[in-house]
Amino acid sequence: MILAADIGGTKVNLALFRQENNHLELVDTAKFESQNYSGLEEILDEYCQSEHPELERAGFGIAGPVKDGKCDVTNLPWVVDVESLKKRLGIDAVWLINDLAAMACAVPFLPEAELKVLQEGRPEEGGRIGVLAAGTGLGEAFLLPDQSGRYLILDSEGGHCDFSPRTELEMELLRFLTGKFGRTSIERVLSGPGLYNIYQFLREHHSFEEPPWLTGELQEGDPGVVITKHGLENTSAACEKALEMFVSLYGAIAGNLALQLLTRGGLYIGGGIAPNILPLIKSGLFMDSFYSKGRFKSLMREIPVKVILNDQASLFGVAHYALGDKFAR
C-alpha cells in the first residue's frame, strides 16, 4: 500500500493507493483542515489509527521549498522532516517533495478526460513540461524528459518572483499592492487571496460600488469564492472586472513560464481555481494574454496548453513518484 499526501496551507489531503498491474488504484481518501492540527504527525496518527494501512511506501507533496528532506511549510507554522516521517510510519521508503512537483509528476499519467485543452499546439516528443497552479498560493514546477524515458523534476518558488505589470491599470494595481505589502510578488495577484486583492484595488481606486449584500458575503465566506461566483454570474461589476483581470494575468504569467523554459511538451494549468472559472478561461482572455509575447507570438501558438481537471492530481503524482519507475530522484 502507498500513502500519498498533499499538504497545503489550508488543508491536508491523504490517500491510499494499491498498485495493480502497473496501475495505481485509489483505495481511500481523507481531508483534514490544517489549522486544526499542531503538525502533520498528529494528522497521520489520527488517519493511520482509523485505517490501519499496511504501508510499503509513502510520498508527501508539500507547499514550500524542500531542502535536505525538510520543509518549513509556507503559510503554516509546521516543520516537516522526512526522517521523522520514516520513524512515525515505520518504513524507510518515504519521500518529501514540493507540492507542485507532485502535481507535475501526475502529468504523464493523466488521461485526456481529466484535461481541458485550450490549445493543441504542436507537442514535441521529449519536450519540456511546465505546470502553473493558482490556489491558496501560486506554484510552478517542471518536468525535463531524458533519453531513457524518465523525468527530471525541477521544483520552483517562482510564484514569489516580482509581479511585472503590462498595462497602466496593472501599474496602478502594483502601486496599490506595494503600498499594502511593501513588495509585490506574482502570488499577490495570482491566487485566491490575490483575486481579493485585485477586487479591493478596483473597489477603492475605480469607484466600484459594493452593495451591503456583497459586503456581508465577503465577510462571512471565502472572498475569492464569493468574487468568482458573482463574477461568473455577472451580478457584480466589480467582481466581474476583478475576475477578468485575474484571468488575463493568469494567461500572461503562463506565457512567461512557457517562454522561460520553452515548454514544447506542454504547459499545464493546475490548482483549484482554473477548473472553477473555465468558462472565462475559454472565452479568449487567457489565451490572448498567453500569445501576447511580441515577436514570439508564433512560437506561443505551438505550445500545447491544457487545464488539469482532476483535483487529486497531486496525490496521484506523489504516489507515482514514490514508486520511482518514471522519475529520477
Protein backbone atom coordinates (compact mmCIF):
# COMPACT_ATOMS: atom_id res chain seq x y z
CA MET A 1 0.00 0.00 0.00
CA ILE A 2 1.19 3.52 -0.82
CA LEU A 3 0.29 6.52 1.35
CA ALA A 4 0.16 9.84 -0.51
CA ALA A 5 -0.29 13.31 0.98
CA ASP A 6 -0.90 16.76 -0.45
CA ILE A 7 -0.03 19.28 2.28
CA GLY A 8 -1.15 22.88 1.85
CA GLY A 9 -1.71 25.98 3.90
CA THR A 10 -5.41 25.29 4.41
CA LYS A 11 -5.85 21.54 4.07
CA VAL A 12 -4.07 18.20 4.08
CA ASN A 13 -5.38 15.56 1.66
CA LEU A 14 -4.38 11.95 2.25
CA ALA A 15 -4.90 8.93 0.02
CA LEU A 16 -4.10 5.24 -0.04
CA PHE A 17 -3.19 3.57 -3.32
CA ARG A 18 -2.69 -0.03 -4.34
CA GLN A 19 -0.53 -0.93 -7.32
CA GLU A 20 -2.33 -3.24 -9.74
CA ASN A 21 -0.61 -4.26 -13.00
CA ASN A 22 1.44 -1.06 -13.25
CA HIS A 23 -1.68 0.96 -12.47
CA LEU A 24 -2.44 2.88 -9.29
CA GLU A 25 -5.83 2.05 -7.81
CA LEU A 26 -7.25 4.60 -5.35
CA VAL A 27 -8.33 2.82 -2.16
CA ASP A 28 -9.24 5.64 0.24
CA THR A 29 -9.08 9.42 0.65
CA ALA A 30 -9.42 11.79 3.60
CA LYS A 31 -9.25 15.56 4.08
CA PHE A 32 -8.05 17.45 7.16
CA GLU A 33 -8.18 21.17 7.92
CA SER A 34 -4.55 22.14 8.53
CA GLN A 35 -5.33 24.90 11.04
CA ASN A 36 -6.95 22.38 13.41
CA TYR A 37 -3.72 20.44 13.97
CA SER A 38 -0.36 21.23 15.54
CA GLY A 39 1.55 19.33 12.90
CA LEU A 40 1.46 16.66 10.21
CA GLU A 41 2.31 13.90 12.67
CA GLU A 42 -0.94 14.49 14.54
CA ILE A 43 -2.92 14.06 11.31
CA LEU A 44 -1.03 10.89 10.37
CA ASP A 45 -1.64 9.38 13.80
CA GLU A 46 -5.38 10.05 13.50
CA TYR A 47 -5.63 8.71 9.97
CA CYS A 48 -3.48 5.61 10.37
CA GLN A 49 -5.22 4.70 13.61
CA SER A 50 -8.57 4.63 11.84
CA GLU A 51 -7.41 2.95 8.61
CA HIS A 52 -4.62 0.61 9.84
CA PRO A 53 -2.89 0.54 6.44
CA GLU A 54 -0.04 -1.89 5.79
CA LEU A 55 2.29 0.64 4.22
CA GLU A 56 5.15 -0.17 1.88
CA ARG A 57 5.86 3.34 0.58
CA ALA A 58 4.80 6.93 1.24
CA GLY A 59 5.08 10.18 -0.69
CA PHE A 60 4.38 13.68 0.60
CA GLY A 61 3.83 16.74 -1.58
CA ILE A 62 4.22 19.88 0.49
CA ALA A 63 3.61 23.61 -0.04
CA GLY A 64 7.09 25.01 0.43
CA PRO A 65 10.74 24.55 -0.56
CA VAL A 66 12.20 21.16 0.38
CA LYS A 67 15.87 21.01 1.28
CA ASP A 68 17.75 18.02 2.71
CA GLY A 69 14.46 16.26 3.39
CA LYS A 70 12.99 19.12 5.42
CA CYS A 71 10.44 21.84 4.77
CA ASP A 72 9.13 24.86 6.65
CA VAL A 73 5.56 24.81 5.37
CA THR A 74 4.52 28.02 3.63
CA ASN A 75 1.53 29.63 5.40
CA LEU A 76 1.67 27.13 8.32
CA PRO A 77 3.84 27.02 11.48
CA TRP A 78 4.92 23.45 10.71
CA VAL A 79 8.30 21.88 10.05
CA VAL A 80 8.12 18.56 8.21
CA ASP A 81 11.13 16.24 8.29
CA VAL A 82 11.33 13.09 6.17
CA GLU A 83 13.39 11.25 8.81
CA SER A 84 10.69 11.91 11.42
CA LEU A 85 8.07 10.67 8.96
CA LYS A 86 10.00 7.43 8.45
CA LYS A 87 10.03 6.79 12.18
CA ARG A 88 6.38 7.72 12.55
CA LEU A 89 5.25 5.39 9.77
CA GLY A 90 7.75 2.62 10.48
CA ILE A 91 9.03 2.40 6.89
CA ASP A 92 12.15 3.64 5.09
CA ALA A 93 10.59 4.23 1.65
CA VAL A 94 9.36 7.76 2.33
CA TRP A 95 9.83 10.82 0.08
CA LEU A 96 9.11 14.51 0.58
CA ILE A 97 8.80 16.79 -2.45
CA ASN A 98 7.31 20.19 -3.28
CA ASP A 99 3.52 20.09 -3.86
CA LEU A 100 3.78 21.47 -7.41
CA ALA A 101 6.47 18.92 -8.18
CA ALA A 102 3.94 16.33 -7.02
CA MET A 103 1.32 17.75 -9.37
CA ALA A 104 3.83 17.75 -12.23
CA CYS A 105 4.51 14.06 -11.58
CA ALA A 106 0.86 13.32 -12.38
CA VAL A 107 1.00 14.90 -15.86
CA PRO A 108 2.47 11.87 -17.75
CA PHE A 109 -0.33 9.69 -16.36
CA LEU A 110 -3.38 11.94 -16.79
CA PRO A 111 -5.99 10.65 -19.28
CA GLU A 112 -7.43 13.08 -21.80
CA ALA A 113 -10.77 13.03 -19.94
CA GLU A 114 -9.05 14.76 -17.00
CA LEU A 115 -7.70 17.59 -19.14
CA LYS A 116 -9.32 20.54 -20.87
CA VAL A 117 -7.41 21.51 -23.99
CA LEU A 118 -7.07 25.27 -24.53
CA GLN A 119 -4.61 24.84 -27.38
CA GLU A 120 -3.50 21.62 -29.08
CA GLY A 121 -0.32 23.28 -30.33
CA ARG A 122 2.42 21.14 -31.82
CA PRO A 123 3.65 18.94 -28.96
CA GLU A 124 7.27 17.92 -29.23
CA GLU A 125 8.15 14.39 -28.20
CA GLY A 126 10.61 14.64 -25.35
CA GLY A 127 9.74 18.31 -24.87
CA ARG A 128 9.89 20.04 -21.52
CA ILE A 129 6.68 20.27 -19.50
CA GLY A 130 5.62 23.15 -17.23
CA VAL A 131 2.92 23.27 -14.57
CA LEU A 132 1.45 26.50 -13.17
CA ALA A 133 -1.19 26.35 -10.44
CA ALA A 134 -3.06 29.11 -8.64
CA GLY A 135 -4.93 28.22 -5.46
CA THR A 136 -4.23 29.30 -1.90
CA GLY A 137 -0.86 30.34 -3.31
CA LEU A 138 0.88 30.12 -6.69
CA GLY A 139 3.14 27.23 -7.62
CA GLU A 140 5.36 26.29 -10.55
CA ALA A 141 7.19 23.08 -11.45
CA PHE A 142 8.78 21.46 -14.49
CA LEU A 143 9.49 18.03 -15.96
CA LEU A 144 12.58 17.52 -18.13
CA PRO A 145 12.47 14.19 -20.02
CA ASP A 146 15.70 12.26 -20.53
CA GLN A 147 16.60 9.73 -23.21
CA SER A 148 15.64 6.76 -21.03
CA GLY A 149 12.01 7.86 -20.80
CA ARG A 150 12.33 9.12 -17.23
CA TYR A 151 11.80 12.66 -15.97
CA LEU A 152 13.98 15.02 -14.00
CA ILE A 153 11.76 17.15 -11.75
CA LEU A 154 12.51 20.81 -11.15
CA ASP A 155 10.60 22.42 -8.32
CA SER A 156 10.36 26.18 -8.02
CA GLU A 157 9.25 29.09 -5.86
CA GLY A 158 8.59 31.21 -8.94
CA GLY A 159 5.28 32.37 -7.52
CA HIS A 160 7.26 34.63 -5.22
CA CYS A 161 9.05 36.42 -8.06
CA ASP A 162 8.24 40.09 -8.65
CA PHE A 163 4.92 40.99 -10.25
CA SER A 164 5.52 42.82 -13.55
CA PRO A 165 2.61 44.93 -14.81
CA ARG A 166 1.88 45.21 -18.55
CA THR A 167 -0.73 47.99 -18.69
CA GLU A 168 -1.43 51.29 -16.97
CA LEU A 169 -4.20 49.62 -14.96
CA GLU A 170 -1.81 46.91 -13.78
CA MET A 171 0.75 49.60 -12.88
CA GLU A 172 -1.90 51.19 -10.67
CA LEU A 173 -2.53 47.78 -9.15
CA LEU A 174 1.19 47.36 -8.45
CA ARG A 175 1.33 50.74 -6.68
CA PHE A 176 -1.73 49.81 -4.61
CA LEU A 177 -0.24 46.46 -3.56
CA THR A 178 3.21 47.92 -2.89
CA GLY A 179 1.60 50.38 -0.50
CA LYS A 180 -0.19 47.50 1.18
CA PHE A 181 2.56 44.84 1.31
CA GLY A 182 5.84 46.65 0.67
CA ARG A 183 6.84 44.19 -2.05
CA THR A 184 4.50 42.61 -4.57
CA SER A 185 5.10 39.04 -5.71
CA ILE A 186 3.15 37.35 -8.50
CA GLU A 187 1.27 35.38 -5.84
CA ARG A 188 -0.21 38.63 -4.52
CA VAL A 189 -2.30 38.83 -7.69
CA LEU A 190 -2.49 35.25 -8.93
CA SER A 191 -4.04 33.20 -6.11
CA GLY A 192 -7.29 33.09 -4.17
CA PRO A 193 -6.15 35.92 -1.88
CA GLY A 194 -4.72 37.63 -4.98
CA LEU A 195 -8.16 37.76 -6.58
CA TYR A 196 -9.44 39.53 -3.48
CA ASN A 197 -6.50 41.96 -3.68
CA ILE A 198 -7.50 42.82 -7.25
CA TYR A 199 -11.12 43.30 -6.20
CA GLN A 200 -10.13 45.62 -3.33
CA PHE A 201 -7.99 47.68 -5.69
CA LEU A 202 -10.85 48.11 -8.16
CA ARG A 203 -13.34 48.95 -5.42
CA GLU A 204 -11.14 51.55 -3.76
CA HIS A 205 -9.46 53.15 -6.78
CA HIS A 206 -12.02 52.79 -9.56
CA SER A 207 -15.21 53.65 -7.66
CA PHE A 208 -16.94 50.30 -7.95
CA GLU A 209 -19.91 50.21 -5.60
CA GLU A 210 -20.10 47.37 -3.09
CA PRO A 211 -23.73 46.68 -2.11
CA PRO A 212 -24.45 45.61 1.50
CA TRP A 213 -25.38 42.05 0.48
CA LEU A 214 -21.95 41.62 -1.15
CA THR A 215 -20.15 43.10 1.88
CA GLY A 216 -21.92 40.51 4.02
CA GLU A 217 -20.95 37.61 1.77
CA LEU A 218 -17.31 38.73 1.61
CA GLN A 219 -17.15 38.94 5.40
CA GLU A 220 -18.82 35.60 6.03
CA GLY A 221 -17.29 33.46 3.29
CA ASP A 222 -14.09 32.95 1.34
CA PRO A 223 -13.67 36.24 -0.60
CA GLY A 224 -12.11 34.51 -3.59
CA VAL A 225 -15.04 32.11 -3.87
CA VAL A 226 -17.56 34.93 -3.48
CA ILE A 227 -15.88 37.09 -6.14
CA THR A 228 -15.67 34.13 -8.53
CA LYS A 229 -19.36 33.33 -8.08
CA HIS A 230 -20.62 36.85 -8.72
CA GLY A 231 -18.05 37.48 -11.45
CA LEU A 232 -19.24 34.45 -13.43
CA GLU A 233 -22.92 35.23 -12.78
CA ASN A 234 -22.44 38.91 -13.73
CA THR A 235 -24.20 40.03 -10.54
CA SER A 236 -21.43 42.46 -9.51
CA ALA A 237 -19.50 44.73 -11.89
CA ALA A 238 -16.52 44.83 -9.52
CA CYS A 239 -16.38 41.04 -9.21
CA GLU A 240 -16.74 40.66 -12.96
CA LYS A 241 -13.91 43.10 -13.67
CA ALA A 242 -11.67 41.56 -10.98
CA LEU A 243 -12.16 38.08 -12.42
CA GLU A 244 -11.44 39.26 -15.96
CA MET A 245 -8.27 40.99 -14.80
CA PHE A 246 -7.25 37.84 -12.92
CA VAL A 247 -7.73 35.59 -15.97
CA SER A 248 -5.78 37.98 -18.20
CA LEU A 249 -2.90 37.99 -15.73
CA TYR A 250 -3.06 34.19 -15.47
CA GLY A 251 -2.61 33.86 -19.24
CA ALA A 252 0.25 36.36 -19.32
CA ILE A 253 2.15 34.65 -16.50
CA ALA A 254 1.53 31.22 -18.05
CA GLY A 255 3.03 32.58 -21.27
CA ASN A 256 6.06 33.88 -19.39
CA LEU A 257 6.59 30.45 -17.85
CA ALA A 258 6.30 28.75 -21.24
CA LEU A 259 8.93 31.11 -22.67
CA GLN A 260 11.31 30.78 -19.73
CA LEU A 261 11.56 27.00 -20.06
CA LEU A 262 10.40 26.57 -23.68
CA THR A 263 7.76 24.05 -22.65
CA ARG A 264 7.32 22.41 -26.05
CA GLY A 265 5.95 19.32 -24.30
CA GLY A 266 3.07 21.36 -22.90
CA LEU A 267 2.07 23.96 -20.34
CA TYR A 268 -0.44 22.62 -17.80
CA ILE A 269 -2.67 24.77 -15.61
CA GLY A 270 -3.45 23.16 -12.25
CA GLY A 271 -4.78 24.22 -8.87
CA GLY A 272 -8.27 24.69 -7.54
CA ILE A 273 -9.18 27.94 -9.28
CA ALA A 274 -8.85 27.19 -13.00
CA PRO A 275 -11.48 24.42 -13.24
CA ASN A 276 -13.99 26.70 -11.48
CA ILE A 277 -13.53 29.56 -13.94
CA LEU A 278 -13.27 27.53 -17.14
CA PRO A 279 -16.00 29.50 -18.95
CA LEU A 280 -13.95 32.68 -18.61
CA ILE A 281 -10.65 30.96 -19.35
CA LYS A 282 -12.12 29.55 -22.56
CA SER A 283 -13.51 32.95 -23.55
CA GLY A 284 -10.20 34.04 -25.06
CA LEU A 285 -8.93 36.32 -22.28
CA PHE A 286 -6.41 33.74 -21.09
CA MET A 287 -5.01 32.72 -24.46
CA ASP A 288 -4.91 36.30 -25.81
CA SER A 289 -2.55 37.19 -22.95
CA PHE A 290 -0.64 33.93 -23.42
CA TYR A 291 0.01 34.79 -27.10
CA SER A 292 0.95 38.42 -26.43
CA LYS A 293 4.72 37.96 -26.48
CA GLY A 294 5.71 40.24 -29.35
CA ARG A 295 7.97 38.55 -31.86
CA PHE A 296 7.39 35.16 -30.21
CA LYS A 297 3.64 35.01 -30.83
CA SER A 298 4.06 32.29 -33.47
CA LEU A 299 6.08 30.19 -31.03
CA MET A 300 3.37 30.57 -28.36
CA ARG A 301 0.83 29.07 -30.80
CA GLU A 302 2.92 25.89 -31.00
CA ILE A 303 2.90 25.17 -27.25
CA PRO A 304 0.13 22.83 -26.03
CA VAL A 305 -1.89 24.41 -23.20
CA LYS A 306 -4.18 22.30 -21.02
CA VAL A 307 -6.12 22.68 -17.76
CA ILE A 308 -5.88 19.84 -15.22
CA LEU A 309 -9.40 18.91 -14.12
CA ASN A 310 -8.51 16.16 -11.64
CA ASP A 311 -8.49 17.74 -8.18
CA GLN A 312 -6.50 14.78 -6.82
CA ALA A 313 -3.67 15.10 -9.35
CA SER A 314 -1.06 15.91 -6.69
CA LEU A 315 -1.94 12.75 -4.75
CA PHE A 316 -1.61 10.57 -7.84
CA GLY A 317 1.60 12.35 -8.77
CA VAL A 318 3.37 11.91 -5.46
CA ALA A 319 2.24 8.26 -5.31
CA HIS A 320 3.82 7.67 -8.74
CA TYR A 321 6.94 9.46 -7.51
CA ALA A 322 7.09 7.10 -4.52
CA LEU A 323 7.04 4.14 -6.94
CA GLY A 324 10.11 5.64 -8.64
CA ASP A 325 9.72 3.95 -12.01
CA LYS A 326 9.28 7.14 -14.05
CA PHE A 327 11.22 9.82 -12.18
CA ALA A 328 14.87 10.43 -11.41
CA ARG A 329 15.42 11.05 -7.70
